[in-house]
Protein backbone atom coordinates (compact mmCIF):
# COMPACT_ATOMS: atom_id res chain seq x y z
CA UNK A 1 -0.13 0.23 -0.04
CA UNK A 2 1.69 3.47 -0.88
CA UNK A 3 1.03 6.21 1.17
CA UNK A 4 1.50 10.05 0.69
CA UNK A 5 1.38 13.29 2.58
CA UNK A 6 -1.41 15.32 2.03
CA UNK A 7 -0.57 18.55 0.80
CA UNK A 8 -2.50 21.54 2.10
CA UNK A 9 -4.34 22.75 -0.77
CA UNK A 10 -7.61 24.23 0.30
CA UNK A 11 -10.53 23.12 -1.81
CA UNK A 12 -13.37 24.66 -1.75
CA UNK A 13 -16.83 23.05 -2.54
CA UNK A 14 -19.90 24.92 -3.68
CA UNK A 15 -23.14 23.31 -2.82
CA UNK A 16 -26.16 24.70 -4.17
CA UNK A 17 -29.71 24.42 -3.31
CA UNK A 18 -32.87 25.76 -3.99
CA UNK A 19 -36.23 24.69 -3.62
CA UNK A 20 -38.59 22.44 -5.33
CA UNK A 21 -42.03 20.16 -4.60
CA UNK A 22 -41.29 18.14 -7.58
CA UNK A 23 -40.52 14.34 -6.99
CA UNK A 24 -37.29 12.89 -7.77
CA UNK A 25 -38.08 11.26 -11.05
CA UNK A 26 -39.16 14.36 -12.26
CA UNK A 27 -37.04 16.86 -10.29
CA UNK A 28 -33.52 16.46 -11.74
CA UNK A 29 -32.84 19.50 -12.61
CA UNK A 30 -34.16 21.17 -9.75
CA UNK A 31 -32.49 22.95 -6.61
CA UNK A 32 -33.41 20.40 -4.26
CA UNK A 33 -30.53 18.15 -5.90
CA UNK A 34 -27.16 18.19 -3.95
CA UNK A 35 -24.46 19.03 -5.76
CA UNK A 36 -21.13 20.06 -5.58
CA UNK A 37 -18.94 22.89 -7.16
CA UNK A 38 -15.35 22.37 -5.81
CA UNK A 39 -12.37 25.03 -6.09
CA UNK A 40 -8.95 23.32 -5.24
CA UNK A 41 -6.01 25.30 -3.98
CA UNK A 42 -2.45 24.44 -3.56
CA UNK A 43 -2.61 21.58 -6.12
CA UNK A 44 0.75 19.84 -6.65
CA UNK A 45 -0.09 16.73 -8.77
CA UNK A 46 -2.62 17.52 -11.50
CA UNK A 47 -3.52 13.81 -11.47
CA UNK A 48 -4.43 13.67 -7.61
CA UNK A 49 -5.98 16.80 -6.11
CA UNK A 50 -6.85 18.78 -9.25
CA UNK A 51 -10.32 18.27 -9.84
CA UNK A 52 -10.85 20.46 -12.32
CA UNK A 53 -11.12 18.16 -15.14
CA UNK A 54 -14.27 16.39 -16.30
CA UNK A 55 -14.21 12.97 -14.68
CA UNK A 56 -12.41 13.78 -11.80
CA UNK A 57 -13.98 12.56 -8.40
CA UNK A 58 -14.01 12.62 -4.80
CA UNK A 59 -16.08 11.08 -2.38
CA UNK A 60 -18.69 12.12 0.22
CA UNK A 61 -20.24 11.22 3.51
CA UNK A 62 -23.37 12.78 4.61
CA UNK A 63 -24.94 12.24 8.12
CA UNK A 64 -28.08 14.18 10.28
CA UNK A 65 -26.52 17.03 11.76
CA UNK A 66 -24.54 15.83 14.99
CA UNK A 67 -24.72 11.84 14.34
CA UNK A 68 -22.43 9.49 13.21
CA UNK A 69 -24.21 6.58 13.07
CA UNK A 70 -26.89 5.82 9.66
CA UNK A 71 -25.71 8.15 7.15
CA UNK A 72 -28.29 9.99 5.18
CA UNK A 73 -25.45 8.57 2.66
CA UNK A 74 -22.37 7.06 2.79
CA UNK A 75 -19.19 6.95 0.23
CA UNK A 76 -20.75 8.23 -2.22
CA UNK A 77 -18.94 9.34 -5.59
CA UNK A 78 -19.17 13.08 -6.83
CA UNK A 79 -17.99 13.52 -10.54
CA UNK A 80 -17.20 16.55 -12.37
CA UNK A 81 -19.43 17.21 -15.60
CA UNK A 82 -18.48 20.70 -17.40
CA UNK A 83 -17.54 21.87 -13.53
CA UNK A 84 -20.34 20.80 -11.51
CA UNK A 85 -20.26 17.43 -9.29
CA UNK A 86 -23.19 15.28 -9.33
CA UNK A 87 -23.55 11.43 -8.16
CA UNK A 88 -24.51 8.86 -10.36
CA UNK A 89 -27.32 8.06 -7.98
CA UNK A 90 -29.37 11.66 -6.95
CA UNK A 91 -29.55 12.79 -3.45
CA UNK A 92 -32.17 15.56 -2.27
CA UNK A 93 -31.88 17.76 0.45
CA UNK A 94 -33.92 16.27 3.44
CA UNK A 95 -36.07 18.74 5.82
CA UNK A 96 -33.04 18.75 8.27
CA UNK A 97 -29.70 19.70 7.92
CA UNK A 98 -26.54 17.82 7.30
CA UNK A 99 -23.09 17.31 8.39
CA UNK A 100 -20.60 16.60 5.02
CA UNK A 101 -17.55 14.89 5.19
CA UNK A 102 -15.42 14.86 2.01
CA UNK A 103 -12.02 13.14 0.71
CA UNK A 104 -9.89 12.68 -2.29
CA UNK A 105 -9.04 10.50 -4.20
CA UNK A 106 -11.95 8.31 -3.83
CA UNK A 107 -12.36 4.78 -2.46
CA UNK A 108 -14.93 1.94 -3.29
CA UNK A 109 -17.95 1.09 -1.46
CA UNK A 110 -16.19 -2.53 -1.70
CA UNK A 111 -14.02 -3.31 1.21
CA UNK A 112 -13.13 0.35 1.44
CA UNK A 113 -9.76 0.34 -0.97
CA UNK A 114 -8.83 2.87 -3.37
CA UNK A 115 -9.81 2.16 -7.06
CA UNK A 116 -6.75 0.84 -8.68
CA UNK A 117 -4.13 -1.56 -6.82
CA UNK A 118 -0.25 -0.88 -7.31
CA UNK A 119 2.02 -3.08 -9.37
CA UNK A 120 3.10 -5.07 -5.76
CA UNK A 121 -1.11 -5.77 -5.37
CA UNK A 122 -0.86 -3.24 -1.93
CA UNK A 123 -3.55 0.10 -1.61
CA UNK A 124 -2.31 3.52 -0.64
CA UNK A 125 -5.64 4.11 1.40
CA UNK A 126 -8.08 2.03 3.08
CA UNK A 127 -10.99 3.64 4.38
CA UNK A 128 -12.36 2.09 7.73
CA UNK A 129 -15.16 4.46 8.38
CA UNK A 130 -16.03 7.91 7.38
CA UNK A 131 -13.12 10.09 8.92
CA UNK A 132 -10.52 7.03 9.17
CA UNK A 133 -8.37 5.98 6.81
CA UNK A 134 -5.03 3.68 6.74
CA UNK A 135 -2.67 4.99 4.24
CA UNK A 136 0.45 3.06 3.02
CA UNK A 137 2.64 5.77 0.60
CA UNK A 138 3.82 3.80 -2.52
CA UNK A 139 7.86 3.20 -2.93
CA UNK A 140 7.21 4.82 -6.72
CA UNK A 141 6.99 8.40 -5.91
CA UNK A 142 4.93 9.02 -9.05
CA UNK A 143 2.03 6.55 -7.43
CA UNK A 144 2.12 8.42 -4.20
CA UNK A 145 -0.99 10.35 -3.90
CA UNK A 146 -2.29 13.52 -2.57
CA UNK A 147 -4.81 12.75 0.39
CA UNK A 148 -6.96 15.64 1.26
CA UNK A 149 -9.58 15.92 3.60
CA UNK A 150 -12.78 18.39 4.47
CA UNK A 151 -15.77 19.00 6.47
CA UNK A 152 -18.63 21.13 7.05
CA UNK A 153 -21.28 20.91 9.50
CA UNK A 154 -25.30 21.63 9.82
CA UNK A 155 -25.79 23.05 6.45
CA UNK A 156 -29.29 22.57 4.67
CA UNK A 157 -31.13 24.04 1.95
CA UNK A 158 -33.56 26.13 4.42
CA UNK A 159 -30.43 27.58 6.32
CA UNK A 160 -27.74 30.16 5.77
CA UNK A 161 -25.55 26.78 4.77
CA UNK A 162 -27.47 26.50 1.45
CA UNK A 163 -24.30 27.54 -0.19
CA UNK A 164 -20.99 26.33 1.38
CA UNK A 165 -17.42 26.57 1.37
CA UNK A 166 -15.65 23.47 1.95
CA UNK A 167 -11.79 23.47 2.28
CA UNK A 168 -9.67 20.28 1.84
CA UNK A 169 -6.72 19.87 3.96
CA UNK A 170 -3.40 18.00 2.92
CA UNK A 171 -3.23 15.23 5.63
CA UNK A 172 0.31 14.23 4.62
CA UNK A 173 3.97 15.94 4.49
CA UNK A 174 5.35 17.12 1.53
CA UNK A 175 8.92 16.43 1.14
CA UNK A 176 11.39 18.69 -0.98
CA UNK A 177 15.20 18.63 -1.85
CA UNK A 178 17.66 20.95 -3.13
CA UNK A 179 21.25 21.09 -4.06
CA UNK A 180 24.20 23.36 -3.85
CA UNK A 181 28.31 22.95 -3.90
CA UNK A 182 30.62 25.33 -2.06
CA UNK A 183 33.58 22.96 -3.26
CA UNK A 184 35.71 24.87 -5.98
CA UNK A 185 37.62 21.62 -7.25
CA UNK A 186 34.72 19.51 -6.97
CA UNK A 187 31.54 18.99 -9.48
CA UNK A 188 28.84 16.50 -9.24
CA UNK A 189 26.03 14.57 -11.42
CA UNK A 190 23.39 13.47 -9.49
CA UNK A 191 20.68 11.21 -10.97
CA UNK A 192 18.60 10.13 -7.67
CA UNK A 193 17.62 10.95 -4.23
CA UNK A 194 15.89 8.57 -1.46
CA UNK A 195 14.68 8.95 2.25
CA UNK A 196 15.39 6.03 4.51
CA UNK A 197 14.56 5.04 8.07
CA UNK A 198 11.05 5.74 7.87
CA UNK A 199 7.52 4.43 8.93
CA UNK A 200 5.54 3.01 5.85
CA UNK A 201 1.96 2.81 6.88
CA UNK A 202 0.13 4.46 9.47
CA UNK A 203 -3.72 5.43 10.32
CA UNK A 204 -5.14 9.01 9.82
CA UNK A 205 -8.36 9.82 11.55
CA UNK A 206 -10.08 12.99 11.45
CA UNK A 207 -9.98 15.10 14.67
CA UNK A 208 -11.65 18.36 16.15
CA UNK A 209 -9.84 20.35 13.22
CA UNK A 210 -12.28 22.80 11.53
CA UNK A 211 -11.81 23.07 7.86
CA UNK A 212 -15.39 24.62 7.40
CA UNK A 213 -13.69 28.05 6.43
CA UNK A 214 -10.55 29.49 4.57
CA UNK A 215 -8.82 30.03 7.38
CA UNK A 216 -10.05 27.05 9.25
CA UNK A 217 -7.80 24.67 11.49
CA UNK A 218 -4.87 22.70 9.91
CA UNK A 219 -5.16 19.23 10.08
CA UNK A 220 -3.05 17.82 13.42
CA UNK A 221 0.01 16.06 14.00
CA UNK A 222 -2.14 14.01 16.71
CA UNK A 223 -4.62 12.96 13.86
CA UNK A 224 -1.66 10.31 13.03
CA UNK A 225 -1.31 7.39 14.77
CA UNK A 226 0.69 3.89 14.47
CA UNK A 227 3.35 6.40 12.74
CA UNK A 228 6.43 5.78 15.12
CA UNK A 229 7.71 2.12 13.43
CA UNK A 230 10.30 3.54 11.47
CA UNK A 231 12.55 1.10 9.99
CA UNK A 232 15.90 0.27 7.73
CA UNK A 233 13.78 -1.42 5.61
CA UNK A 234 11.24 1.40 4.82
CA UNK A 235 13.09 3.51 2.32
CA UNK A 236 11.24 6.11 -0.88
CA UNK A 237 13.48 7.07 -4.08
CA UNK A 238 13.45 7.90 -7.39
CA UNK A 239 15.84 8.35 -10.09
CA UNK A 240 16.04 10.68 -13.37
CA UNK A 241 18.39 11.71 -15.91
CA UNK A 242 21.41 12.93 -14.18
CA UNK A 243 21.89 16.55 -12.93
CA UNK A 244 24.94 18.60 -13.17
CA UNK A 245 26.25 20.86 -10.25
CA UNK A 246 28.87 23.10 -11.22
CA UNK A 247 31.89 23.86 -8.86
CA UNK A 248 31.33 26.45 -6.54
CA UNK A 249 27.77 26.88 -6.95
CA UNK A 250 26.55 28.64 -4.45
CA UNK A 251 22.88 28.78 -5.52
CA UNK A 252 20.88 26.32 -4.68
CA UNK A 253 18.62 24.37 -6.94
CA UNK A 254 15.92 22.07 -6.95
CA UNK A 255 16.68 18.72 -9.09
CA UNK A 256 14.90 18.13 -12.10
CA UNK A 257 13.74 14.74 -13.33
CA UNK A 258 14.94 15.95 -17.04
CA UNK A 259 18.23 16.70 -16.35
CA UNK A 260 18.12 20.24 -15.64
CA UNK A 261 18.79 21.83 -11.82
CA UNK A 262 15.98 24.83 -12.06
CA UNK A 263 14.94 27.71 -9.59
CA UNK A 264 11.70 26.16 -9.40
CA UNK A 265 10.40 22.85 -8.11
CA UNK A 266 9.80 19.63 -10.10
CA UNK A 267 6.47 18.40 -8.41
CA UNK A 268 7.14 15.14 -10.11
CA UNK A 269 9.85 14.33 -8.15
CA UNK A 270 8.83 15.50 -4.65
CA UNK A 271 7.46 12.90 -1.77
CA UNK A 272 4.31 13.01 0.14
CA UNK A 273 4.46 10.70 3.01
CA UNK A 274 3.38 10.11 6.28
CA UNK A 275 3.41 12.62 9.42
CA UNK A 276 5.80 11.26 11.67
CA UNK A 277 8.77 11.82 14.46
CA UNK A 278 11.98 11.73 12.91
CA UNK A 279 15.75 10.66 14.73
CA UNK A 280 18.54 11.38 12.97
CA UNK A 281 20.87 8.40 12.00
CA UNK A 282 24.13 8.76 13.94
CA UNK A 283 25.72 5.55 13.30
CA UNK A 284 25.00 2.09 11.31
CA UNK A 285 23.20 -0.42 12.79
CA UNK A 286 26.14 -2.61 13.57
CA UNK A 287 29.53 -3.51 12.84
CA UNK A 288 28.40 -5.61 9.78
CA UNK A 289 29.31 -5.08 5.74
CA UNK A 290 26.06 -3.67 4.75
CA UNK A 291 24.40 -2.31 7.56
CA UNK A 292 21.89 0.36 7.45
CA UNK A 293 21.64 3.62 8.94
CA UNK A 294 20.29 3.31 12.91
CA UNK A 295 18.11 6.67 11.94
CA UNK A 296 16.30 8.45 9.36
CA UNK A 297 18.50 10.21 6.49
CA UNK A 298 18.61 11.89 3.33
CA UNK A 299 20.67 10.08 0.20
CA UNK A 300 21.71 11.48 -3.18
CA UNK A 301 22.34 8.98 -6.29
CA UNK A 302 25.58 10.80 -7.68
CA UNK A 303 29.06 10.78 -9.26
CA UNK A 304 31.88 13.32 -7.60
CA UNK A 305 34.47 14.51 -10.02
CA UNK A 306 37.51 17.03 -10.15
CA UNK A 307 36.32 20.18 -11.94
CA UNK A 308 38.47 20.01 -14.45
CA UNK A 309 37.37 19.45 -18.72
CA UNK A 310 37.77 15.61 -18.46
CA UNK A 311 36.29 15.73 -15.22
CA UNK A 312 38.13 12.13 -13.66
CA UNK A 313 35.53 10.52 -11.29
CA UNK A 314 36.82 10.92 -7.37
CA UNK A 315 33.86 8.67 -6.16
CA UNK A 316 31.24 6.89 -7.61
CA UNK A 317 28.17 6.56 -5.14
CA UNK A 318 25.54 5.28 -7.85
CA UNK A 319 25.79 1.64 -6.87
CA UNK A 320 22.72 0.27 -4.49
CA UNK A 321 23.51 1.06 -0.99
CA UNK A 322 26.30 3.15 -1.82
CA UNK A 323 24.30 6.46 -2.28
CA UNK A 324 25.55 9.75 -0.59
CA UNK A 325 23.88 9.82 2.95
CA UNK A 326 23.03 12.69 5.41
CA UNK A 327 21.36 12.39 8.68
CA UNK A 328 18.43 14.25 9.00
CA UNK A 329 15.56 13.86 12.34
CA UNK A 330 15.06 15.58 15.44
CA UNK A 331 11.80 16.89 14.73
CA UNK A 332 8.22 16.00 13.63
CA UNK A 333 6.97 16.09 10.19
CA UNK A 334 3.55 17.76 10.39
CA UNK A 335 0.42 17.28 8.31
CA UNK A 336 0.55 19.99 5.45
CA UNK A 337 4.14 21.36 5.66
CA UNK A 338 6.32 21.26 3.22
CA UNK A 339 9.91 20.38 4.04
CA UNK A 340 12.80 21.66 2.17
CA UNK A 341 15.93 20.03 2.15
CA UNK A 342 19.34 21.56 1.00
CA UNK A 343 22.28 19.92 0.87
CA UNK A 344 25.78 21.26 0.23
CA UNK A 345 27.65 18.44 -1.75
CA UNK A 346 31.32 19.56 -0.80
CA UNK A 347 31.75 17.18 2.06
CA UNK A 348 30.24 14.61 -0.34
CA UNK A 349 28.04 12.78 2.78
CA UNK A 350 28.66 9.26 4.09
CA UNK A 351 28.00 5.83 2.26
CA UNK A 352 24.65 4.55 3.05
CA UNK A 353 25.37 1.09 4.09
CA UNK A 354 28.73 0.06 6.69
CA UNK A 355 31.32 -0.14 3.46
CA UNK A 356 34.55 -0.95 6.50
CA UNK A 357 32.15 -3.51 8.43
CA UNK A 358 35.03 -2.91 11.70
CA UNK A 359 32.48 -0.99 13.39
CA UNK A 360 29.20 1.19 13.31
CA UNK A 361 30.55 4.53 12.29
CA UNK A 362 29.34 6.42 9.19
CA UNK A 363 32.00 5.95 6.48
CA UNK A 364 32.57 9.22 4.67
CA UNK A 365 33.01 9.06 0.67
CA UNK A 366 35.18 11.78 0.93
CA UNK A 367 38.21 11.33 3.58
CA UNK A 368 39.19 14.70 5.42
CA UNK A 369 36.24 16.56 4.07
CA UNK A 370 34.20 18.50 5.97
CA UNK A 371 30.66 17.15 5.47
CA UNK A 372 27.85 19.66 5.72
CA UNK A 373 24.88 18.31 6.80
CA UNK A 374 21.46 19.08 5.22
CA UNK A 375 19.59 22.04 6.18
CA UNK A 376 15.88 22.26 6.35
CA UNK A 377 13.34 24.90 6.04
CA UNK A 378 9.75 24.24 6.80
CA UNK A 379 6.63 26.45 5.03
CA UNK A 380 2.94 26.09 5.26
CA UNK A 381 1.64 24.02 1.59
CA UNK A 382 1.70 27.03 -0.06
CA UNK A 383 -1.41 27.76 -2.50
CA UNK A 384 -0.21 27.26 -6.42
CA UNK A 385 -1.34 30.83 -8.16
CA UNK A 386 -4.30 29.34 -9.95
CA UNK A 387 -7.82 27.92 -8.12
CA UNK A 388 -9.02 25.11 -10.07
CA UNK A 389 -11.25 25.51 -11.21
CA UNK A 390 -12.63 29.00 -10.29
CA UNK A 391 -12.64 31.00 -13.55
CA UNK A 392 -14.55 33.86 -13.94
CA UNK A 393 -17.32 31.84 -16.01
CA UNK A 394 -17.52 29.62 -12.39
CA UNK A 395 -17.69 32.94 -10.35
CA UNK A 396 -20.31 34.54 -12.42
CA UNK A 397 -22.30 31.68 -12.45
CA UNK A 398 -22.82 31.70 -8.43
CA UNK A 399 -23.53 35.58 -8.58
CA UNK A 400 -26.84 35.79 -6.90
CA UNK A 401 -26.55 32.74 -4.74
CA UNK A 402 -23.33 34.01 -2.79
CA UNK A 403 -21.98 36.94 -1.64
CA UNK A 404 -18.51 36.89 -3.64
CA UNK A 405 -17.54 39.95 -2.58
CA UNK A 406 -14.62 38.34 -1.04
CA UNK A 407 -12.71 38.07 -4.93
CA UNK A 408 -12.41 41.38 -5.25
CA UNK A 409 -8.69 41.86 -5.69
CA UNK A 410 -8.18 38.42 -6.66
CA UNK A 411 -6.05 38.64 -10.07
CA UNK A 412 -6.79 37.29 -13.49
CA UNK A 413 -5.01 35.39 -16.07
CA UNK A 414 -5.17 35.32 -19.29
CA UNK A 415 -7.30 32.03 -19.04
CA UNK A 416 -9.98 33.35 -17.34
CA UNK A 417 -8.60 31.62 -13.89
CA UNK A 418 -8.20 33.34 -10.52
CA UNK A 419 -4.96 33.95 -8.72
CA UNK A 420 -3.61 35.08 -5.79
CA UNK A 421 -0.49 36.31 -8.05
CA UNK A 422 0.02 39.60 -9.40
CA UNK A 423 2.65 37.92 -11.51
CA UNK A 424 1.26 37.42 -14.97
CA UNK A 425 -2.18 38.40 -14.47
CA UNK A 426 -4.09 40.80 -16.76
CA UNK A 427 -6.55 42.29 -14.38
CA UNK A 428 -7.87 42.65 -10.61
CA UNK A 429 -11.63 41.73 -9.89
CA UNK A 430 -12.27 45.39 -8.77
CA UNK A 431 -16.05 45.23 -8.91
CA UNK A 432 -18.81 42.52 -8.42
CA UNK A 433 -22.53 43.45 -8.07
CA UNK A 434 -24.89 40.58 -6.97
CA UNK A 435 -28.14 42.47 -7.80
CA UNK A 436 -27.85 43.20 -11.35
CA UNK A 437 -25.08 44.67 -13.96
CA UNK A 438 -21.67 46.10 -13.43
CA UNK A 439 -21.74 47.38 -17.06
CA UNK A 440 -25.68 47.80 -18.63
CA UNK A 441 -24.34 47.67 -22.10
CA UNK A 442 -22.62 44.22 -21.84
CA UNK A 443 -26.05 42.03 -21.43
CA UNK A 444 -25.27 39.78 -18.00
CA UNK A 445 -22.13 41.35 -16.51
CA UNK A 446 -21.54 41.25 -13.12
CA UNK A 447 -17.77 41.12 -12.52
CA UNK A 448 -15.72 43.63 -13.35
CA UNK A 449 -11.80 43.41 -13.94
CA UNK A 450 -9.33 46.57 -13.92
CA UNK A 451 -6.19 46.06 -16.12
CA UNK A 452 -3.14 45.86 -13.69
CA UNK A 453 -0.77 47.75 -16.16
CA UNK A 454 -1.32 51.17 -17.23
CA UNK A 455 -1.43 51.69 -20.81
CA UNK A 456 -0.22 55.14 -21.43
CA UNK A 457 -1.42 58.78 -21.42
CA UNK A 458 -3.29 60.71 -23.25
CA UNK A 459 -4.84 64.72 -23.89
CA UNK A 460 -8.37 64.47 -24.09
CA UNK A 461 -10.33 67.38 -24.78
CA UNK A 462 -13.62 68.19 -25.54
CA UNK A 463 -14.95 64.61 -24.80
CA UNK A 464 -18.67 64.00 -24.94
CA UNK A 465 -19.30 67.06 -27.51
CA UNK A 466 -19.68 64.99 -30.64
CA UNK A 467 -22.84 65.64 -32.06
CA UNK A 468 -23.85 67.33 -28.98
CA UNK A 469 -24.91 64.61 -27.38
CA UNK A 470 -24.27 64.15 -23.83
CA UNK A 471 -22.84 60.57 -23.00
CA UNK A 472 -23.83 60.74 -19.42
CA UNK A 473 -27.62 61.78 -19.91
CA UNK A 474 -28.00 59.08 -23.23
CA UNK A 475 -25.88 56.27 -21.32
CA UNK A 476 -26.76 56.65 -17.61
CA UNK A 477 -24.27 55.22 -15.36
CA UNK A 478 -22.49 51.64 -15.24
CA UNK A 479 -22.17 51.71 -19.07
CA UNK A 480 -18.55 52.12 -19.89
CA UNK A 481 -18.56 49.95 -22.31
CA UNK A 482 -20.74 51.77 -24.36
CA UNK A 483 -19.33 55.15 -24.27
CA UNK A 484 -15.94 54.12 -24.40
CA UNK A 485 -17.17 52.87 -27.76
CA UNK A 486 -19.36 55.57 -28.67
CA UNK A 487 -16.07 57.61 -28.82
CA UNK A 488 -14.14 55.01 -30.41
CA UNK A 489 -16.46 54.93 -33.05
CA UNK A 490 -16.35 58.76 -33.65
CA UNK A 491 -12.81 58.31 -34.68
CA UNK A 492 -11.48 61.51 -33.32
CA UNK A 493 -8.15 62.67 -32.31
CA UNK A 494 -10.19 64.04 -29.22
CA UNK A 495 -10.85 61.06 -27.87
CA UNK A 496 -7.39 59.41 -27.90
CA UNK A 497 -7.93 57.59 -24.22
CA UNK A 498 -10.93 56.08 -25.38
CA UNK A 499 -9.09 54.70 -28.83
CA UNK A 500 -6.11 53.66 -26.52
CA UNK A 501 -8.44 51.75 -24.12
CA UNK A 502 -10.43 49.87 -26.77
CA UNK A 503 -7.36 48.65 -28.67
CA UNK A 504 -5.38 47.69 -25.53
CA UNK A 505 -6.07 44.48 -27.28
CA UNK A 506 -8.99 43.59 -29.36
CA UNK A 507 -12.36 42.31 -28.22
CA UNK A 508 -11.38 38.93 -28.57
CA UNK A 509 -8.04 39.49 -28.47
CA UNK A 510 -5.39 37.46 -26.16
CA UNK A 511 -5.10 39.72 -23.32
CA UNK A 512 -8.94 39.25 -22.73
CA UNK A 513 -11.32 36.55 -21.35
CA UNK A 514 -13.67 34.74 -23.97
CA UNK A 515 -16.98 35.92 -23.33
CA UNK A 516 -15.90 39.36 -21.67
CA UNK A 517 -16.56 42.61 -22.89
CA UNK A 518 -13.29 43.33 -24.25
CA UNK A 519 -11.39 46.42 -23.08
CA UNK A 520 -13.06 49.68 -22.07
CA UNK A 521 -12.92 52.72 -19.98
CA UNK A 522 -14.61 53.08 -16.78
CA UNK A 523 -17.36 55.24 -16.59
CA UNK A 524 -17.80 57.84 -13.23
CA UNK A 525 -20.02 55.49 -11.58
CA UNK A 526 -17.72 52.57 -11.96
CA UNK A 527 -14.85 54.51 -10.90
CA UNK A 528 -16.43 55.55 -7.79
CA UNK A 529 -17.16 51.67 -7.26
CA UNK A 530 -13.59 50.76 -7.80
CA UNK A 531 -12.83 53.50 -5.17
CA UNK A 532 -15.15 52.69 -2.62
CA UNK A 533 -14.02 49.05 -2.84
CA UNK A 534 -11.04 49.94 -1.18
CA UNK A 535 -12.27 50.50 2.08
CA UNK A 536 -15.29 48.16 1.91
CA UNK A 537 -13.84 45.11 -0.05
CA UNK A 538 -10.04 45.75 0.24
CA UNK A 539 -9.59 46.50 -3.46
CA UNK A 540 -5.45 46.69 -3.30
CA UNK A 541 -4.32 49.20 -5.90
CA UNK A 542 -1.16 49.52 -4.84
CA UNK A 543 0.38 48.14 -8.07
CA UNK A 544 -0.72 51.71 -9.52
CA UNK A 545 2.07 52.87 -7.65
CA UNK A 546 1.55 57.19 -7.84
CA UNK A 547 0.10 58.69 -10.60
CA UNK A 548 -2.69 61.67 -10.44
CA UNK A 549 -5.55 61.18 -12.47
CA UNK A 550 -7.12 58.29 -14.80
CA UNK A 551 -9.65 58.87 -17.62
CA UNK A 552 -12.85 57.70 -17.04
CA UNK A 553 -15.24 57.80 -20.08
CA UNK A 554 -17.70 60.06 -18.78
CA UNK A 555 -18.41 63.78 -19.88
CA UNK A 556 -17.93 66.59 -17.21
CA UNK A 557 -19.36 69.26 -19.53
CA UNK A 558 -19.13 70.70 -23.31
CA UNK A 559 -15.42 70.44 -23.17
CA UNK A 560 -14.33 68.19 -20.14
CA UNK A 561 -14.30 64.27 -18.86
CA UNK A 562 -14.31 62.95 -15.70
CA UNK A 563 -11.22 61.56 -14.23
CA UNK A 564 -10.68 59.64 -11.22
CA UNK A 565 -7.99 58.99 -8.89
CA UNK A 566 -7.53 55.96 -5.84
CA UNK A 567 -6.80 58.67 -3.33
CA UNK A 568 -10.27 60.87 -3.97
CA UNK A 569 -13.01 59.73 -1.62
CA UNK A 570 -15.16 61.89 -3.23
CA UNK A 571 -17.14 61.72 -6.58
CA UNK A 572 -14.78 61.80 -9.88
CA UNK A 573 -13.36 65.34 -10.51
CA UNK A 574 -13.39 67.10 -13.66
CA UNK A 575 -10.32 67.31 -15.61
CA UNK A 576 -10.30 68.31 -19.29
CA UNK A 577 -7.41 69.69 -21.43
CA UNK A 578 -4.68 67.44 -19.01
CA UNK A 579 -2.49 64.54 -20.10
CA UNK A 580 -4.29 61.74 -17.50
CA UNK A 581 -3.10 57.94 -17.42
CA UNK A 582 -5.38 55.34 -19.14
CA UNK A 583 -6.51 52.06 -17.30
CA UNK A 584 -8.88 49.66 -18.91
CA UNK A 585 -11.05 47.26 -17.51
CA UNK A 586 -13.57 44.69 -18.99
CA UNK A 587 -16.39 43.33 -17.76
CA UNK A 588 -17.82 39.45 -17.91
């Protein structure tokens, strides 16, 4: 069986329920059907906890609130079909409230074992009850699964829990390795890494942590039991194309599966293992040749060479049981934590097994060299940038059934996915209106995304006087799209800001989410809402830096246009005959 530490991805599951008096047979498209919409964060192996693709599944147990016997339904698989998770057998909201317990990857309801045995016939997950699982990580690193778990309580179609966010937590620990080389006369070729003297089977029982909200408690080390039987026989290793490490390489790099060390981690080489207490190796188990270390360690499969063009071999630590080893331990691996081990290769490390066979002392690979012990940094399992499958389309679909104001200030990437990271983003969500449009000229728009890039300055005179038509009077409020288009269509050099915003990308350009309005200038009322959201919803406009005024698409008078500033608390200030900055937005 295979076990892997559970990353701490937070999977948010949106359970939508509406009312209906129809029977089950004719009510399958009605709101009483219990369905789920997951948002998976922190996913690091797409084959596991990333539920964004059609056919991906997780399992759910439901109990009447406050009970843990006679479940309303048990071990039911919910599968993604075009972004909505439903079960083959339909379940509908009862009159009472329910407690939900969800986990992934799924297990069968026949013997409770995970679907798909490993090559050795074992299973990585065996389910005992709704919150207890026996975990045995695969010794094949690529097979290790990211087990995640979440619950939400006291929810029902007639309560405020009608739409609920359920956050999954990683139950395991993630282990990562980096290397550097302070030796000026040696270089290295690394083609594998290993963790040894571990516990390979343990029981996870969900405890008292509350994962109901994004800020909910992390799973606890005490949720794991029977995880204190470390053994020399229990090792986890992976091999790959040799990574060259140059002499005097002071920067620590992650090892890469394709033979190239990198500043970013290669998730295919990282391990997900059982949280456990580690005791570092101090010697070999005995004086016998071939004896393993007496405690936990990290090992590298590597060749050490002189730093010359020919690079003759100094030592070869690639044979079985002769990998280079560094002791690790003296602390616990905690659930949902990432442990990054950094090794200075200069000292060469110790052989993984007793080479001399005369005593139990650890045998150094390079005689007389100072062995630099592996250092470790501990981090929370950080979220990746994207919240799968939380795209603008998913968010827009939920407007009206959930308060989505918490998404204001999130960034949007080129494909329409929501992210926490401004790097690579095309805009930030600046306004969400749950009771109507955020731009009346674009049908159904409820989300306004402000570009994260100021595209230039413009001297824009006589705004709104084209054919003596007053734009504000003609189009009203929340209509920046129509006002910008009007000025663009007039094709006048006086409306340079509108032209610049409209042409920032074409309506269906690569930097505009498919199905959105395309770029335009916000009008005065949209600008007011954007500015107000700095205070009411924490919209962060610091990426704009210091600036004076941004153009809006409203007229102020026969010869003036509105401008707006993030610093101004009042209505947009009139700015005519001046050169101001252009910041496009789009509606969705």
